[in-house]
N, C-alpha and C. Protein backbone atom coordinates (compact mmCIF):
# COMPACT_ATOMS: atom_id res chain seq x y z
N MET A 1 -15.86 -7.23 -4.32
CA MET A 1 -14.98 -8.39 -4.32
C MET A 1 -14.53 -8.64 -2.89
N THR A 2 -14.90 -9.75 -2.35
CA THR A 2 -14.50 -10.12 -1.00
C THR A 2 -13.98 -11.55 -1.04
N GLY A 3 -13.04 -11.88 -0.21
CA GLY A 3 -12.44 -13.20 -0.17
C GLY A 3 -10.95 -13.07 -0.04
N GLU A 4 -10.24 -14.14 -0.36
CA GLU A 4 -8.78 -14.12 -0.31
C GLU A 4 -8.23 -14.36 -1.69
N ASN A 5 -7.11 -13.69 -1.98
CA ASN A 5 -6.46 -13.92 -3.26
C ASN A 5 -5.54 -15.13 -3.16
N ASP A 6 -4.76 -15.39 -4.19
CA ASP A 6 -3.87 -16.55 -4.23
C ASP A 6 -2.79 -16.52 -3.15
N TYR A 7 -2.53 -15.35 -2.58
CA TYR A 7 -1.49 -15.20 -1.57
C TYR A 7 -2.05 -15.16 -0.15
N GLY A 8 -3.35 -15.41 0.00
CA GLY A 8 -3.97 -15.42 1.32
C GLY A 8 -4.28 -14.04 1.86
N ILE A 9 -4.21 -13.01 0.99
CA ILE A 9 -4.51 -11.65 1.42
C ILE A 9 -6.01 -11.43 1.30
N LYS A 10 -6.61 -10.97 2.38
CA LYS A 10 -8.05 -10.72 2.35
C LYS A 10 -8.35 -9.53 1.45
N GLN A 11 -9.33 -9.71 0.60
CA GLN A 11 -9.70 -8.67 -0.36
C GLN A 11 -11.08 -8.12 -0.02
N ASP A 12 -11.20 -6.85 -0.02
CA ASP A 12 -12.48 -6.18 0.15
C ASP A 12 -12.32 -4.83 -0.53
N ALA A 13 -12.27 -4.85 -1.84
CA ALA A 13 -11.94 -3.66 -2.63
C ALA A 13 -12.88 -2.49 -2.38
N GLU A 14 -14.10 -2.76 -2.04
CA GLU A 14 -15.05 -1.68 -1.84
C GLU A 14 -14.76 -0.86 -0.58
N HIS A 15 -14.01 -1.44 0.35
CA HIS A 15 -13.78 -0.77 1.62
C HIS A 15 -12.33 -0.42 1.91
N LYS A 16 -11.43 -0.78 1.01
CA LYS A 16 -10.01 -0.48 1.22
C LYS A 16 -9.64 0.81 0.50
N TYR A 17 -8.60 1.45 1.00
CA TYR A 17 -8.11 2.70 0.43
C TYR A 17 -6.75 2.49 -0.20
N TRP A 18 -6.49 3.24 -1.25
CA TRP A 18 -5.25 3.15 -2.01
C TRP A 18 -4.72 4.55 -2.23
N TYR A 19 -3.39 4.67 -2.29
CA TYR A 19 -2.77 5.95 -2.62
C TYR A 19 -2.33 5.88 -4.07
N ASN A 20 -2.79 6.82 -4.87
CA ASN A 20 -2.44 6.87 -6.28
C ASN A 20 -1.14 7.66 -6.41
N MET A 21 -0.07 6.98 -6.79
CA MET A 21 1.25 7.61 -6.91
C MET A 21 1.30 8.63 -8.05
N LYS A 22 0.47 8.44 -9.04
CA LYS A 22 0.47 9.33 -10.20
C LYS A 22 -0.24 10.65 -9.90
N THR A 23 -1.37 10.58 -9.20
CA THR A 23 -2.17 11.78 -8.94
C THR A 23 -1.96 12.35 -7.54
N GLY A 24 -1.44 11.52 -6.61
CA GLY A 24 -1.29 11.95 -5.23
C GLY A 24 -2.60 11.95 -4.46
N GLN A 25 -3.60 11.29 -5.00
CA GLN A 25 -4.92 11.26 -4.38
C GLN A 25 -5.18 9.90 -3.72
N VAL A 26 -6.05 9.91 -2.73
CA VAL A 26 -6.50 8.68 -2.08
C VAL A 26 -7.75 8.21 -2.81
N GLU A 27 -7.80 6.92 -3.07
CA GLU A 27 -8.94 6.33 -3.76
C GLU A 27 -9.50 5.19 -2.92
N GLN A 28 -10.78 4.97 -3.05
CA GLN A 28 -11.40 3.83 -2.37
C GLN A 28 -11.79 2.82 -3.44
N GLY A 29 -11.23 1.61 -3.33
CA GLY A 29 -11.47 0.58 -4.33
C GLY A 29 -10.44 0.66 -5.45
N PHE A 30 -10.62 -0.20 -6.44
CA PHE A 30 -9.69 -0.29 -7.56
C PHE A 30 -10.07 0.69 -8.66
N LEU A 31 -9.80 1.98 -8.46
CA LEU A 31 -10.18 2.99 -9.44
C LEU A 31 -9.11 3.21 -10.50
N SER A 32 -7.86 3.06 -10.12
CA SER A 32 -6.77 3.32 -11.06
C SER A 32 -5.99 2.03 -11.33
N PRO A 33 -5.17 2.03 -12.38
CA PRO A 33 -4.37 0.83 -12.68
C PRO A 33 -3.42 0.48 -11.54
N ALA A 34 -3.18 -0.80 -11.36
CA ALA A 34 -2.33 -1.28 -10.26
C ALA A 34 -0.95 -0.64 -10.22
N PRO A 35 -0.27 -0.41 -11.36
CA PRO A 35 1.07 0.20 -11.27
C PRO A 35 1.06 1.63 -10.68
N ASP A 36 -0.09 2.28 -10.67
CA ASP A 36 -0.18 3.65 -10.19
C ASP A 36 -0.53 3.76 -8.71
N ARG A 37 -0.90 2.64 -8.07
CA ARG A 37 -1.39 2.75 -6.70
C ARG A 37 -0.63 1.87 -5.74
N VAL A 38 -0.62 2.28 -4.46
CA VAL A 38 -0.04 1.48 -3.38
C VAL A 38 -1.10 1.29 -2.31
N GLY A 39 -1.02 0.19 -1.64
CA GLY A 39 -1.99 -0.14 -0.61
C GLY A 39 -2.19 -1.64 -0.60
N PRO A 40 -3.21 -2.10 0.01
CA PRO A 40 -4.35 -1.35 0.53
C PRO A 40 -4.13 -0.85 1.95
N PHE A 41 -4.92 0.13 2.31
CA PHE A 41 -4.94 0.70 3.65
C PHE A 41 -6.35 0.58 4.19
N ASP A 42 -6.47 0.39 5.49
CA ASP A 42 -7.79 0.23 6.10
C ASP A 42 -8.54 1.54 6.22
N THR A 43 -7.82 2.66 6.34
CA THR A 43 -8.49 3.94 6.50
C THR A 43 -7.95 4.96 5.50
N ARG A 44 -8.74 5.97 5.26
CA ARG A 44 -8.33 7.07 4.38
C ARG A 44 -7.08 7.76 4.94
N VAL A 45 -7.05 7.95 6.26
CA VAL A 45 -5.92 8.63 6.90
C VAL A 45 -4.63 7.85 6.68
N GLU A 46 -4.68 6.53 6.82
CA GLU A 46 -3.50 5.71 6.56
C GLU A 46 -3.03 5.89 5.12
N ALA A 47 -3.96 5.89 4.18
CA ALA A 47 -3.61 6.05 2.77
C ALA A 47 -3.03 7.44 2.50
N GLU A 48 -3.53 8.45 3.20
CA GLU A 48 -3.01 9.81 3.03
C GLU A 48 -1.54 9.90 3.44
N HIS A 49 -1.10 9.01 4.32
CA HIS A 49 0.28 9.00 4.80
C HIS A 49 1.10 7.88 4.17
N ALA A 50 0.67 7.43 3.00
CA ALA A 50 1.32 6.31 2.33
C ALA A 50 2.79 6.59 2.03
N LEU A 51 3.11 7.78 1.57
CA LEU A 51 4.51 8.08 1.22
C LEU A 51 5.41 8.03 2.45
N GLU A 52 4.91 8.51 3.58
CA GLU A 52 5.68 8.43 4.82
C GLU A 52 5.93 6.97 5.21
N LYS A 53 4.89 6.16 5.09
CA LYS A 53 5.01 4.74 5.43
C LYS A 53 6.00 4.04 4.50
N LEU A 54 5.96 4.37 3.21
CA LEU A 54 6.90 3.78 2.26
C LEU A 54 8.33 4.16 2.60
N ARG A 55 8.55 5.42 2.97
CA ARG A 55 9.89 5.87 3.34
C ARG A 55 10.38 5.14 4.60
N GLU A 56 9.49 5.02 5.60
CA GLU A 56 9.84 4.32 6.84
C GLU A 56 10.22 2.87 6.55
N ASN A 57 9.39 2.20 5.76
CA ASN A 57 9.66 0.79 5.44
C ASN A 57 10.97 0.64 4.67
N SER A 58 11.21 1.52 3.72
CA SER A 58 12.45 1.44 2.93
C SER A 58 13.67 1.61 3.82
N ALA A 59 13.61 2.58 4.72
CA ALA A 59 14.74 2.81 5.64
C ALA A 59 14.94 1.59 6.55
N LYS A 60 13.85 1.04 7.06
CA LYS A 60 13.93 -0.13 7.94
C LYS A 60 14.53 -1.32 7.20
N TRP A 61 14.08 -1.56 5.97
CA TRP A 61 14.58 -2.70 5.19
C TRP A 61 16.05 -2.50 4.82
N ALA A 62 16.43 -1.27 4.50
CA ALA A 62 17.83 -0.99 4.16
C ALA A 62 18.72 -1.25 5.38
N GLU A 63 18.24 -0.86 6.55
CA GLU A 63 18.99 -1.09 7.78
C GLU A 63 19.12 -2.59 8.06
N GLU A 64 18.03 -3.33 7.87
CA GLU A 64 18.06 -4.77 8.09
C GLU A 64 19.02 -5.45 7.10
N ASP A 65 19.00 -5.01 5.84
CA ASP A 65 19.91 -5.56 4.85
C ASP A 65 21.36 -5.28 5.22
N ALA A 66 21.62 -4.08 5.70
CA ALA A 66 22.99 -3.71 6.09
C ALA A 66 23.46 -4.57 7.26
N GLU A 67 22.57 -4.83 8.20
CA GLU A 67 22.93 -5.66 9.36
C GLU A 67 23.22 -7.10 8.94
N GLU A 68 22.52 -7.55 7.90
CA GLU A 68 22.70 -8.92 7.42
C GLU A 68 23.83 -9.02 6.39
N GLY A 69 24.45 -7.88 6.07
CA GLY A 69 25.58 -7.87 5.14
C GLY A 69 25.20 -8.04 3.68
N ARG A 70 24.01 -7.64 3.33
CA ARG A 70 23.57 -7.76 1.93
C ARG A 70 24.05 -6.62 1.11
């Protein structure tokens, strides 16, 4: 599957990596149900560090919300 989805995100499921939150494993392509995975990531290494990236993003967004008084 290659192309863009309805949101303009480029899709190339055969070459993207996903982190499976249920198993803790990295997968290439759409192997598991969407609610179980996060991504996509361009490399396996990026997907292996998905939890770290999620924590960083959450902290950054919480800080931005605090600054904006939300």
